């Protein structure tokens, strides 16, 4: 693994530990058995974030053979595998944008042998979820600062995210890929509510 990527992974793991469920994430990353009741409520509320190109959930679960090729193809280690205790989602790929977002390289879809993850032609075709801005926490919205980190990192800036006064971000649902890069880059680390921008998915963990 490249030295730069190793350093990035160490920083992300440290950030995960600081959130209070770093140990659990470590188990989930390794595919260890984790009681479903221990999946952090915040992850449950935000929904299950699948890699880009994922088929509709019932079709995805039917097609996915748990081969792990998508995770192996992910150079940023963003794709995790659900633990054995996760029921029907066990050993299937998912992403926690807060600790390691998808960079939309689209290699996972090309690696999938069953089209559970369908190959996409461009990053603008991805629809993983939708970023939601918490204007109470966003410094550009609440007047406590001027940021713009989410806009700067967005691979579809100007379409998925635009900026208003004081760089206040506005997300456009019809163009947002749901990659989570904005969430990972967000400077807000609220102890209770987390980041000021967070990706949500309609897919359920149950």
N, C-alpha and C. Protein backbone atom coordinates (compact mmCIF):
# COMPACT_ATOMS: atom_id res chain seq x y z
N UNK A 1 0.85 -1.20 0.00
CA UNK A 1 0.00 0.00 0.00
C UNK A 1 0.88 1.24 0.00
N UNK A 2 0.63 2.24 -0.87
CA UNK A 2 1.44 3.45 -0.92
C UNK A 2 1.49 4.11 0.44
N UNK A 3 2.65 4.76 0.72
CA UNK A 3 2.85 5.41 2.01
C UNK A 3 1.79 6.46 2.28
N UNK A 4 1.42 7.26 1.25
CA UNK A 4 0.42 8.30 1.43
C UNK A 4 -0.92 7.70 1.82
N UNK A 5 -1.28 6.56 1.22
CA UNK A 5 -2.55 5.93 1.54
C UNK A 5 -2.53 5.35 2.94
N UNK A 6 -1.34 4.83 3.36
CA UNK A 6 -1.22 4.31 4.72
C UNK A 6 -1.44 5.40 5.73
N UNK A 7 -0.86 6.57 5.50
CA UNK A 7 -1.04 7.70 6.41
C UNK A 7 -2.50 8.12 6.44
N UNK A 8 -3.16 8.14 5.27
CA UNK A 8 -4.57 8.53 5.20
C UNK A 8 -5.42 7.56 6.00
N UNK A 9 -5.13 6.26 5.86
CA UNK A 9 -5.91 5.27 6.58
C UNK A 9 -5.75 5.42 8.08
N UNK A 10 -4.51 5.71 8.54
CA UNK A 10 -4.27 5.89 9.97
C UNK A 10 -5.04 7.08 10.50
N UNK A 11 -5.07 8.17 9.73
CA UNK A 11 -5.80 9.35 10.16
C UNK A 11 -7.30 9.08 10.23
N UNK A 12 -7.82 8.35 9.24
CA UNK A 12 -9.24 8.04 9.23
C UNK A 12 -9.63 7.14 10.39
N UNK A 13 -8.77 6.17 10.69
CA UNK A 13 -9.07 5.28 11.81
C UNK A 13 -9.04 6.03 13.13
N UNK A 14 -8.11 7.00 13.24
CA UNK A 14 -8.05 7.81 14.45
C UNK A 14 -9.31 8.65 14.59
N UNK A 15 -9.79 9.19 13.47
CA UNK A 15 -11.02 9.99 13.50
C UNK A 15 -12.21 9.14 13.89
N UNK A 16 -12.25 7.90 13.39
CA UNK A 16 -13.34 7.01 13.73
C UNK A 16 -13.34 6.70 15.22
N UNK A 17 -12.15 6.48 15.78
CA UNK A 17 -12.06 6.19 17.20
C UNK A 17 -12.56 7.35 18.03
N UNK A 18 -12.31 8.56 17.54
CA UNK A 18 -12.73 9.75 18.27
C UNK A 18 -14.24 9.90 18.31
N UNK A 19 -14.94 9.28 17.37
CA UNK A 19 -16.39 9.41 17.34
C UNK A 19 -17.08 8.53 18.38
N UNK A 20 -16.34 7.59 18.97
CA UNK A 20 -16.93 6.75 20.00
C UNK A 20 -17.27 5.35 19.54
N UNK A 21 -17.15 5.05 18.22
CA UNK A 21 -17.40 3.68 17.80
C UNK A 21 -16.27 3.18 16.90
N UNK A 22 -15.06 3.67 17.16
CA UNK A 22 -13.90 3.24 16.39
C UNK A 22 -13.64 1.75 16.50
N UNK A 23 -13.80 1.19 17.73
CA UNK A 23 -13.57 -0.24 17.92
C UNK A 23 -14.55 -1.06 17.11
N UNK A 24 -15.80 -0.61 17.08
CA UNK A 24 -16.82 -1.32 16.31
C UNK A 24 -16.50 -1.26 14.83
N UNK A 25 -16.08 -0.10 14.34
CA UNK A 25 -15.75 0.03 12.93
C UNK A 25 -14.60 -0.89 12.57
N UNK A 26 -13.64 -1.05 13.48
CA UNK A 26 -12.52 -1.94 13.22
C UNK A 26 -13.00 -3.37 13.02
N UNK A 27 -13.96 -3.80 13.85
CA UNK A 27 -14.52 -5.13 13.70
C UNK A 27 -15.26 -5.27 12.39
N UNK A 28 -16.04 -4.23 12.05
CA UNK A 28 -16.83 -4.28 10.82
C UNK A 28 -15.93 -4.29 9.60
N UNK A 29 -14.82 -3.58 9.67
CA UNK A 29 -13.89 -3.54 8.55
C UNK A 29 -13.27 -4.91 8.32
N UNK A 30 -13.10 -5.67 9.40
CA UNK A 30 -12.48 -6.98 9.28
C UNK A 30 -13.50 -8.09 9.02
N UNK A 31 -14.79 -7.73 8.94
CA UNK A 31 -15.81 -8.72 8.69
C UNK A 31 -16.12 -9.58 9.89
N UNK A 32 -15.74 -9.12 11.09
CA UNK A 32 -16.00 -9.90 12.29
C UNK A 32 -17.48 -9.85 12.65
N UNK A 33 -17.91 -10.85 13.42
CA UNK A 33 -19.30 -10.91 13.84
C UNK A 33 -19.60 -9.81 14.85
N UNK A 34 -20.59 -9.00 14.55
CA UNK A 34 -20.99 -7.91 15.42
C UNK A 34 -22.49 -7.97 15.61
N UNK A 35 -22.97 -8.00 16.86
CA UNK A 35 -24.43 -8.03 17.07
C UNK A 35 -25.10 -6.88 16.36
N UNK A 36 -26.21 -7.15 15.68
CA UNK A 36 -26.90 -6.11 14.93
C UNK A 36 -27.29 -4.94 15.82
N UNK A 37 -27.55 -5.25 17.10
CA UNK A 37 -27.95 -4.20 18.03
C UNK A 37 -26.83 -3.21 18.30
N UNK A 38 -25.59 -3.58 17.95
CA UNK A 38 -24.45 -2.70 18.19
C UNK A 38 -24.12 -1.82 17.00
N UNK A 39 -24.84 -1.97 15.90
CA UNK A 39 -24.63 -1.05 14.79
C UNK A 39 -25.05 0.33 15.27
N UNK A 40 -24.15 1.32 15.20
CA UNK A 40 -24.45 2.65 15.75
C UNK A 40 -25.78 3.19 15.22
N UNK A 41 -26.63 3.69 16.11
CA UNK A 41 -27.94 4.24 15.69
C UNK A 41 -27.80 5.29 14.60
N UNK A 42 -26.71 6.04 14.64
CA UNK A 42 -26.52 7.09 13.64
C UNK A 42 -26.39 6.49 12.25
N UNK A 43 -25.70 5.34 12.13
CA UNK A 43 -25.58 4.69 10.84
C UNK A 43 -26.93 4.17 10.38
N UNK A 44 -27.71 3.66 11.31
CA UNK A 44 -29.05 3.16 10.98
C UNK A 44 -29.92 4.29 10.46
N UNK A 45 -29.85 5.45 11.12
CA UNK A 45 -30.67 6.60 10.71
C UNK A 45 -30.28 7.09 9.32
N UNK A 46 -29.00 7.06 9.01
CA UNK A 46 -28.54 7.57 7.73
C UNK A 46 -28.76 6.60 6.58
N UNK A 47 -29.03 5.35 6.90
CA UNK A 47 -29.27 4.37 5.86
C UNK A 47 -28.00 3.66 5.43
N UNK A 48 -28.17 2.64 4.63
CA UNK A 48 -27.07 1.80 4.16
C UNK A 48 -26.53 2.36 2.85
N UNK A 49 -25.29 2.78 2.87
CA UNK A 49 -24.68 3.41 1.69
C UNK A 49 -23.92 2.36 0.90
N UNK A 50 -24.45 2.00 -0.26
CA UNK A 50 -23.81 1.02 -1.13
C UNK A 50 -22.82 1.72 -2.08
N UNK A 51 -21.86 0.98 -2.63
CA UNK A 51 -20.93 1.55 -3.61
C UNK A 51 -21.68 2.00 -4.87
N UNK A 52 -21.05 2.82 -5.69
CA UNK A 52 -21.72 3.32 -6.90
C UNK A 52 -22.11 2.20 -7.86
N UNK A 53 -23.27 2.37 -8.47
CA UNK A 53 -23.74 1.39 -9.44
C UNK A 53 -24.53 0.26 -8.84
N UNK A 54 -24.79 0.31 -7.52
CA UNK A 54 -25.52 -0.78 -6.87
C UNK A 54 -26.93 -0.89 -7.43
N UNK A 55 -27.34 -2.11 -7.73
CA UNK A 55 -28.70 -2.36 -8.20
C UNK A 55 -29.69 -2.08 -7.08
N UNK A 56 -30.97 -2.02 -7.42
CA UNK A 56 -32.00 -1.86 -6.39
C UNK A 56 -31.78 -2.95 -5.34
N UNK A 57 -32.05 -2.63 -4.06
CA UNK A 57 -31.56 -3.45 -2.96
C UNK A 57 -31.93 -4.92 -3.06
N UNK A 58 -33.15 -5.27 -3.37
CA UNK A 58 -33.51 -6.68 -3.46
C UNK A 58 -32.73 -7.38 -4.57
N UNK A 59 -32.58 -6.68 -5.70
CA UNK A 59 -31.80 -7.25 -6.80
C UNK A 59 -30.33 -7.35 -6.43
N UNK A 60 -29.84 -6.31 -5.74
CA UNK A 60 -28.44 -6.30 -5.32
C UNK A 60 -28.13 -7.52 -4.45
N UNK A 61 -28.99 -7.76 -3.45
CA UNK A 61 -28.76 -8.87 -2.53
C UNK A 61 -28.84 -10.22 -3.24
N UNK A 62 -29.69 -10.31 -4.25
CA UNK A 62 -29.81 -11.55 -5.01
C UNK A 62 -28.59 -11.78 -5.91
N UNK A 63 -28.04 -10.71 -6.42
CA UNK A 63 -26.91 -10.83 -7.35
C UNK A 63 -25.56 -10.94 -6.65
N UNK A 64 -25.40 -10.24 -5.51
CA UNK A 64 -24.10 -10.19 -4.85
C UNK A 64 -23.70 -11.58 -4.33
N UNK A 65 -22.53 -12.07 -4.73
CA UNK A 65 -22.06 -13.38 -4.31
C UNK A 65 -21.01 -13.26 -3.20
N UNK A 66 -20.88 -12.08 -2.63
CA UNK A 66 -19.97 -11.84 -1.50
C UNK A 66 -18.53 -12.21 -1.86
N UNK A 67 -18.11 -11.91 -3.07
CA UNK A 67 -16.78 -12.29 -3.54
C UNK A 67 -15.68 -11.33 -3.09
N UNK A 68 -16.06 -10.14 -2.66
CA UNK A 68 -15.14 -9.12 -2.15
C UNK A 68 -14.29 -8.44 -3.22
N UNK A 69 -14.57 -8.72 -4.48
CA UNK A 69 -13.76 -8.13 -5.54
C UNK A 69 -13.90 -6.61 -5.58
N UNK A 70 -15.08 -6.10 -5.23
CA UNK A 70 -15.27 -4.65 -5.23
C UNK A 70 -14.38 -4.00 -4.17
N UNK A 71 -14.29 -4.62 -3.00
CA UNK A 71 -13.44 -4.08 -1.93
C UNK A 71 -11.98 -4.15 -2.32
N UNK A 72 -11.59 -5.23 -3.00
CA UNK A 72 -10.21 -5.37 -3.44
C UNK A 72 -9.84 -4.34 -4.50
N UNK A 73 -10.83 -3.94 -5.31
CA UNK A 73 -10.59 -2.97 -6.38
C UNK A 73 -10.56 -1.54 -5.86
N UNK A 74 -11.07 -1.32 -4.65
CA UNK A 74 -11.16 0.03 -4.09
C UNK A 74 -9.81 0.48 -3.53
N UNK A 75 -9.13 1.37 -4.23
CA UNK A 75 -7.78 1.78 -3.84
C UNK A 75 -7.77 2.66 -2.60
N UNK A 76 -8.90 3.24 -2.24
CA UNK A 76 -8.95 4.10 -1.06
C UNK A 76 -9.49 3.36 0.17
N UNK A 77 -9.76 2.08 0.02
CA UNK A 77 -10.29 1.26 1.13
C UNK A 77 -11.60 1.81 1.66
N UNK A 78 -12.39 2.44 0.81
CA UNK A 78 -13.67 2.99 1.25
C UNK A 78 -14.73 1.90 1.37
N UNK A 79 -14.61 0.83 0.61
CA UNK A 79 -15.61 -0.22 0.63
C UNK A 79 -15.34 -1.20 1.77
N UNK A 80 -16.32 -1.32 2.66
CA UNK A 80 -16.24 -2.24 3.79
C UNK A 80 -17.18 -3.42 3.53
N UNK A 81 -17.05 -4.47 4.33
CA UNK A 81 -17.91 -5.64 4.20
C UNK A 81 -18.71 -5.80 5.48
N UNK A 82 -20.02 -5.93 5.34
CA UNK A 82 -20.90 -6.03 6.50
C UNK A 82 -20.55 -7.27 7.33
N UNK A 83 -20.66 -7.17 8.66
CA UNK A 83 -20.31 -8.29 9.54
C UNK A 83 -21.26 -9.46 9.40
N UNK A 84 -20.82 -10.61 9.90
CA UNK A 84 -21.62 -11.84 9.78
C UNK A 84 -22.97 -11.73 10.47
N UNK A 85 -23.03 -10.90 11.50
CA UNK A 85 -24.28 -10.78 12.26
C UNK A 85 -25.27 -9.82 11.61
N UNK A 86 -24.96 -9.33 10.43
CA UNK A 86 -25.80 -8.32 9.80
C UNK A 86 -26.97 -8.92 9.01
N UNK A 87 -27.26 -10.19 9.23
CA UNK A 87 -28.40 -10.80 8.57
C UNK A 87 -28.22 -10.90 7.07
N UNK A 88 -29.22 -10.50 6.33
CA UNK A 88 -29.18 -10.65 4.87
C UNK A 88 -28.12 -9.79 4.21
N UNK A 89 -27.63 -8.75 4.92
CA UNK A 89 -26.59 -7.89 4.34
C UNK A 89 -25.18 -8.38 4.68
N UNK A 90 -25.05 -9.48 5.40
CA UNK A 90 -23.74 -9.99 5.81
C UNK A 90 -22.79 -10.15 4.63
N UNK A 91 -21.57 -9.66 4.82
CA UNK A 91 -20.48 -9.78 3.85
C UNK A 91 -20.73 -8.99 2.56
N UNK A 92 -21.75 -8.15 2.53
CA UNK A 92 -21.98 -7.32 1.34
C UNK A 92 -21.28 -5.97 1.52
N UNK A 93 -20.96 -5.28 0.44
CA UNK A 93 -20.20 -4.03 0.53
C UNK A 93 -21.03 -2.82 0.93
N UNK A 94 -20.42 -1.95 1.70
CA UNK A 94 -21.05 -0.70 2.09
C UNK A 94 -19.96 0.32 2.38
N UNK A 95 -20.35 1.56 2.60
CA UNK A 95 -19.41 2.66 2.81
C UNK A 95 -19.86 3.51 3.99
N UNK A 96 -18.91 3.93 4.80
CA UNK A 96 -19.17 4.92 5.85
C UNK A 96 -18.46 6.19 5.43
N UNK A 97 -19.20 7.11 4.86
CA UNK A 97 -18.60 8.30 4.25
C UNK A 97 -17.83 9.15 5.25
N UNK A 98 -18.26 9.17 6.49
CA UNK A 98 -17.63 10.02 7.50
C UNK A 98 -16.16 9.66 7.70
N UNK A 99 -15.83 8.39 7.60
CA UNK A 99 -14.46 7.96 7.84
C UNK A 99 -13.68 7.68 6.56
N UNK A 100 -14.37 7.29 5.50
CA UNK A 100 -13.69 7.05 4.23
C UNK A 100 -14.71 7.07 3.09
N UNK A 101 -14.78 8.19 2.41
CA UNK A 101 -15.77 8.39 1.35
C UNK A 101 -15.33 7.74 0.05
N UNK A 102 -16.28 7.62 -0.86
CA UNK A 102 -16.02 7.08 -2.20
C UNK A 102 -15.47 8.19 -3.09
N UNK A 103 -14.38 7.91 -3.81
CA UNK A 103 -13.83 8.94 -4.70
C UNK A 103 -14.35 8.82 -6.13
N UNK A 104 -15.35 7.94 -6.31
CA UNK A 104 -16.01 7.77 -7.60
C UNK A 104 -15.06 7.37 -8.72
N UNK A 105 -14.09 6.51 -8.38
CA UNK A 105 -13.20 6.00 -9.43
C UNK A 105 -13.93 4.99 -10.31
N UNK A 106 -15.03 4.40 -9.77
CA UNK A 106 -15.91 3.46 -10.48
C UNK A 106 -15.26 2.11 -10.78
N UNK A 107 -14.13 1.81 -10.13
CA UNK A 107 -13.45 0.54 -10.36
C UNK A 107 -14.26 -0.64 -9.82
N UNK A 108 -15.06 -0.39 -8.78
CA UNK A 108 -15.82 -1.49 -8.16
C UNK A 108 -16.84 -2.09 -9.12
N UNK A 109 -17.51 -1.25 -9.88
CA UNK A 109 -18.50 -1.74 -10.83
C UNK A 109 -17.87 -2.59 -11.93
N UNK A 110 -16.67 -2.21 -12.34
CA UNK A 110 -15.97 -2.97 -13.37
C UNK A 110 -15.50 -4.31 -12.83
N UNK A 111 -15.24 -4.36 -11.51
CA UNK A 111 -14.73 -5.60 -10.90
C UNK A 111 -15.83 -6.58 -10.55
N UNK A 112 -17.06 -6.10 -10.43
CA UNK A 112 -18.17 -6.97 -10.02
C UNK A 112 -18.53 -7.96 -11.12
N UNK A 113 -18.50 -9.27 -10.83
CA UNK A 113 -18.77 -10.28 -11.87
C UNK A 113 -20.25 -10.55 -12.10
N UNK A 114 -21.13 -10.03 -11.24
CA UNK A 114 -22.55 -10.39 -11.35
C UNK A 114 -23.46 -9.20 -11.64
N UNK A 115 -22.88 -8.02 -11.78
CA UNK A 115 -23.63 -6.79 -11.99
C UNK A 115 -24.52 -6.43 -10.80
N UNK A 116 -24.14 -6.92 -9.62
CA UNK A 116 -24.78 -6.39 -8.41
C UNK A 116 -24.40 -4.92 -8.31
N UNK A 117 -23.14 -4.63 -8.67
CA UNK A 117 -22.67 -3.26 -8.90
C UNK A 117 -22.51 -3.12 -10.40
N UNK A 118 -23.34 -2.31 -11.00
CA UNK A 118 -23.30 -2.18 -12.44
C UNK A 118 -22.24 -1.17 -12.86
N UNK A 119 -21.48 -1.45 -13.91
CA UNK A 119 -20.44 -0.52 -14.35
C UNK A 119 -21.06 0.78 -14.84
N UNK A 120 -20.48 1.90 -14.40
CA UNK A 120 -20.97 3.22 -14.79
C UNK A 120 -19.97 3.88 -15.72
N UNK A 121 -20.48 4.69 -16.62
CA UNK A 121 -19.60 5.37 -17.58
C UNK A 121 -18.95 6.61 -16.98
N UNK A 122 -19.68 7.31 -16.13
CA UNK A 122 -19.12 8.53 -15.55
C UNK A 122 -19.61 8.69 -14.12
N UNK A 123 -18.88 9.46 -13.33
CA UNK A 123 -19.23 9.65 -11.93
C UNK A 123 -20.59 10.33 -11.76
N UNK A 124 -21.01 11.07 -12.75
CA UNK A 124 -22.31 11.75 -12.67
C UNK A 124 -23.48 10.77 -12.75
N UNK A 125 -23.19 9.51 -13.13
CA UNK A 125 -24.24 8.49 -13.20
C UNK A 125 -24.50 7.84 -11.84
N UNK A 126 -23.60 8.05 -10.88
CA UNK A 126 -23.74 7.42 -9.57
C UNK A 126 -24.86 8.06 -8.77
N UNK A 127 -25.63 7.24 -8.07
CA UNK A 127 -26.69 7.71 -7.18
C UNK A 127 -26.67 6.85 -5.92
N UNK A 128 -25.69 7.10 -5.08
CA UNK A 128 -25.50 6.32 -3.86
C UNK A 128 -26.40 6.78 -2.72
N UNK A 129 -26.67 8.06 -2.70
CA UNK A 129 -27.47 8.68 -1.65
C UNK A 129 -27.53 10.17 -1.94
N UNK A 130 -27.88 10.94 -0.94
CA UNK A 130 -27.97 12.39 -1.11
C UNK A 130 -27.37 13.10 0.09
N UNK A 131 -26.52 14.06 -0.17
CA UNK A 131 -25.94 14.86 0.91
C UNK A 131 -26.99 15.82 1.45
N UNK A 132 -27.04 15.95 2.76
CA UNK A 132 -27.98 16.84 3.43
C UNK A 132 -27.21 17.80 4.33
N UNK A 133 -27.45 19.08 4.17
CA UNK A 133 -26.76 20.10 4.97
C UNK A 133 -27.56 20.41 6.23
N UNK A 134 -26.90 20.37 7.38
CA UNK A 134 -27.51 20.80 8.63
C UNK A 134 -27.12 22.27 8.82
N UNK A 135 -28.02 23.16 8.50
CA UNK A 135 -27.70 24.59 8.52
C UNK A 135 -27.44 25.11 9.93
N UNK A 136 -27.86 24.37 10.94
CA UNK A 136 -27.56 24.77 12.32
C UNK A 136 -26.08 24.60 12.61
N UNK A 137 -25.46 23.60 11.99
CA UNK A 137 -24.07 23.29 12.26
C UNK A 137 -23.11 23.90 11.26
N UNK A 138 -23.53 24.07 10.03
CA UNK A 138 -22.66 24.60 8.97
C UNK A 138 -22.25 26.05 9.29
N UNK A 139 -20.95 26.29 9.40
CA UNK A 139 -20.47 27.62 9.80
C UNK A 139 -20.81 28.68 8.76
N UNK A 140 -20.87 28.29 7.49
CA UNK A 140 -21.21 29.26 6.45
C UNK A 140 -22.69 29.63 6.48
N UNK A 141 -23.51 28.72 6.98
CA UNK A 141 -24.94 28.98 7.08
C UNK A 141 -25.31 29.71 8.38
N UNK A 142 -24.67 29.31 9.49
CA UNK A 142 -25.07 29.91 10.77
C UNK A 142 -24.33 31.19 11.11
N UNK A 143 -23.42 31.62 10.22
CA UNK A 143 -22.76 32.91 10.40
C UNK A 143 -21.55 32.90 11.32
N UNK A 144 -21.09 31.72 11.72
CA UNK A 144 -19.93 31.67 12.61
C UNK A 144 -18.61 31.55 11.87
N UNK A 145 -18.68 31.47 10.54
CA UNK A 145 -17.44 31.37 9.77
C UNK A 145 -17.73 31.29 8.28
N UNK A 146 -16.66 31.13 7.52
CA UNK A 146 -16.77 30.95 6.07
C UNK A 146 -15.93 29.73 5.72
N UNK A 147 -16.56 28.74 5.10
CA UNK A 147 -15.83 27.48 4.85
C UNK A 147 -15.73 27.19 3.35
N UNK A 148 -16.56 26.30 2.87
CA UNK A 148 -16.51 25.92 1.46
C UNK A 148 -15.78 24.61 1.20
N UNK A 149 -15.42 23.87 2.26
CA UNK A 149 -14.69 22.61 2.07
C UNK A 149 -15.50 21.60 1.27
N UNK A 150 -16.80 21.51 1.53
CA UNK A 150 -17.64 20.54 0.82
C UNK A 150 -17.71 20.86 -0.67
N UNK A 151 -17.82 22.14 -1.00
CA UNK A 151 -17.87 22.55 -2.40
C UNK A 151 -16.54 22.26 -3.09
N UNK A 152 -15.46 22.56 -2.40
CA UNK A 152 -14.12 22.37 -2.99
C UNK A 152 -13.84 20.92 -3.31
N UNK A 153 -14.25 19.99 -2.43
CA UNK A 153 -13.94 18.57 -2.62
C UNK A 153 -14.91 17.88 -3.56
N UNK A 154 -16.08 18.44 -3.77
CA UNK A 154 -17.11 17.78 -4.57
C UNK A 154 -16.65 17.54 -6.01
N UNK A 155 -16.69 16.31 -6.50
CA UNK A 155 -16.27 16.02 -7.88
C UNK A 155 -17.28 16.55 -8.91
N UNK A 156 -18.46 16.94 -8.43
CA UNK A 156 -19.49 17.47 -9.32
C UNK A 156 -19.87 18.88 -8.89
N UNK A 157 -18.88 19.63 -8.40
CA UNK A 157 -19.13 20.99 -7.93
C UNK A 157 -19.75 21.84 -9.03
N UNK A 158 -20.66 22.69 -8.62
CA UNK A 158 -21.37 23.52 -9.59
C UNK A 158 -22.65 22.87 -10.06
N UNK A 159 -22.75 21.56 -9.86
CA UNK A 159 -23.96 20.82 -10.21
C UNK A 159 -24.59 20.20 -8.97
N UNK A 160 -23.81 19.34 -8.28
CA UNK A 160 -24.33 18.70 -7.08
C UNK A 160 -24.36 19.68 -5.91
N UNK A 161 -23.36 20.55 -5.83
CA UNK A 161 -23.29 21.56 -4.78
C UNK A 161 -22.96 22.91 -5.39
N UNK A 162 -23.72 23.91 -5.01
CA UNK A 162 -23.41 25.28 -5.37
C UNK A 162 -23.25 26.09 -4.09
N UNK A 163 -22.75 27.30 -4.21
CA UNK A 163 -22.51 28.12 -3.04
C UNK A 163 -23.29 29.42 -3.09
N UNK A 164 -23.71 29.85 -1.91
CA UNK A 164 -24.39 31.12 -1.77
C UNK A 164 -23.53 32.09 -0.98
N UNK A 165 -24.16 32.96 -0.24
CA UNK A 165 -23.47 33.96 0.56
C UNK A 165 -22.58 33.28 1.61
N UNK A 166 -21.36 33.80 1.78
CA UNK A 166 -20.39 33.25 2.73
C UNK A 166 -20.05 31.79 2.42
N UNK A 167 -20.14 31.41 1.16
CA UNK A 167 -19.85 30.05 0.70
C UNK A 167 -20.84 29.01 1.23
N UNK A 168 -22.01 29.46 1.65
CA UNK A 168 -23.00 28.53 2.19
C UNK A 168 -23.40 27.52 1.11
N UNK A 169 -23.26 26.21 1.39
CA UNK A 169 -23.54 25.19 0.38
C UNK A 169 -25.02 24.90 0.21
N UNK A 170 -25.39 24.63 -1.02
CA UNK A 170 -26.74 24.17 -1.34
C UNK A 170 -26.60 22.90 -2.17
N UNK A 171 -27.23 21.82 -1.74
CA UNK A 171 -27.14 20.54 -2.44
C UNK A 171 -28.31 20.39 -3.40
N UNK A 172 -28.02 19.93 -4.60
CA UNK A 172 -29.04 19.70 -5.62
C UNK A 172 -29.23 18.19 -5.78
N UNK A 173 -30.34 17.71 -5.25
CA UNK A 173 -30.59 16.27 -5.17
C UNK A 173 -30.49 15.56 -6.51
N UNK A 174 -30.91 16.23 -7.58
CA UNK A 174 -30.94 15.56 -8.88
C UNK A 174 -29.55 15.34 -9.46
N UNK A 175 -28.53 16.00 -8.89
CA UNK A 175 -27.18 15.84 -9.40
C UNK A 175 -26.21 15.22 -8.39
N UNK A 176 -26.62 15.11 -7.14
CA UNK A 176 -25.74 14.59 -6.09
C UNK A 176 -25.53 13.09 -6.27
N UNK A 177 -24.25 12.67 -6.30
CA UNK A 177 -23.92 11.26 -6.46
C UNK A 177 -23.97 10.52 -5.13
N UNK A 178 -23.91 11.25 -4.02
CA UNK A 178 -23.94 10.61 -2.71
C UNK A 178 -22.63 9.95 -2.33
N UNK A 179 -21.54 10.42 -2.90
CA UNK A 179 -20.23 9.79 -2.65
C UNK A 179 -19.72 10.01 -1.23
N UNK A 180 -20.13 11.12 -0.61
CA UNK A 180 -19.73 11.39 0.76
C UNK A 180 -18.42 12.13 0.92
N UNK A 181 -17.79 12.54 -0.17
CA UNK A 181 -16.53 13.28 -0.04
C UNK A 181 -16.74 14.58 0.74
N UNK A 182 -17.90 15.18 0.56
CA UNK A 182 -18.22 16.41 1.29
C UNK A 182 -18.30 16.15 2.78
N UNK A 183 -18.88 15.01 3.15
CA UNK A 183 -19.01 14.65 4.57
C UNK A 183 -17.64 14.40 5.19
N UNK A 184 -16.80 13.69 4.47
CA UNK A 184 -15.46 13.40 4.97
C UNK A 184 -14.64 14.67 5.15
N UNK A 185 -14.85 15.65 4.26
CA UNK A 185 -14.07 16.88 4.29
C UNK A 185 -14.61 17.93 5.24
N UNK A 186 -15.85 17.78 5.70
CA UNK A 186 -16.49 18.80 6.53
C UNK A 186 -15.66 19.11 7.78
N UNK A 187 -15.48 20.39 8.06
CA UNK A 187 -14.64 20.80 9.19
C UNK A 187 -15.37 20.71 10.53
N UNK A 188 -16.69 20.56 10.50
CA UNK A 188 -17.47 20.50 11.74
C UNK A 188 -17.39 19.11 12.33
N UNK A 189 -17.07 19.03 13.60
CA UNK A 189 -17.00 17.76 14.32
C UNK A 189 -17.82 17.88 15.60
N UNK A 190 -19.12 18.06 15.45
CA UNK A 190 -19.98 18.22 16.61
C UNK A 190 -20.09 16.90 17.36
N UNK A 191 -19.88 16.93 18.68
CA UNK A 191 -19.86 15.70 19.46
C UNK A 191 -21.17 14.94 19.39
N UNK A 192 -22.28 15.65 19.32
CA UNK A 192 -23.59 15.00 19.31
C UNK A 192 -24.08 14.73 17.90
N UNK A 193 -24.00 15.71 17.03
CA UNK A 193 -24.62 15.61 15.71
C UNK A 193 -23.64 15.33 14.58
N UNK A 194 -22.35 15.29 14.85
CA UNK A 194 -21.37 14.94 13.82
C UNK A 194 -21.11 16.06 12.83
N UNK A 195 -21.05 15.71 11.54
CA UNK A 195 -20.69 16.65 10.49
C UNK A 195 -21.88 17.53 10.12
N UNK A 196 -21.57 18.67 9.53
CA UNK A 196 -22.63 19.61 9.13
C UNK A 196 -23.26 19.20 7.81
N UNK A 197 -22.61 18.31 7.09
CA UNK A 197 -23.19 17.77 5.86
C UNK A 197 -22.99 16.26 5.89
N UNK A 198 -24.08 15.52 5.65
CA UNK A 198 -24.02 14.07 5.79
C UNK A 198 -24.83 13.42 4.68
N UNK A 199 -24.30 12.31 4.17
CA UNK A 199 -24.99 11.58 3.11
C UNK A 199 -26.02 10.64 3.72
N UNK A 200 -27.20 10.66 3.16
CA UNK A 200 -28.27 9.76 3.61
C UNK A 200 -28.70 8.88 2.45
N UNK A 201 -29.09 7.66 2.79
CA UNK A 201 -29.52 6.69 1.80
C UNK A 201 -30.88 6.14 2.17
N UNK A 202 -31.68 5.79 1.17
CA UNK A 202 -33.01 5.21 1.42
C UNK A 202 -32.91 3.71 1.72
N UNK A 203 -31.72 3.13 1.57
CA UNK A 203 -31.55 1.70 1.83
C UNK A 203 -31.47 1.47 3.34
N UNK A 204 -32.04 0.36 3.78
CA UNK A 204 -32.10 0.06 5.21
C UNK A 204 -31.07 -1.00 5.60
N UNK A 205 -30.55 -0.90 6.83
CA UNK A 205 -29.64 -1.91 7.37
C UNK A 205 -30.36 -3.19 7.73
N UNK A 206 -31.66 -3.13 7.95
CA UNK A 206 -32.40 -4.33 8.39
C UNK A 206 -32.83 -5.19 7.21
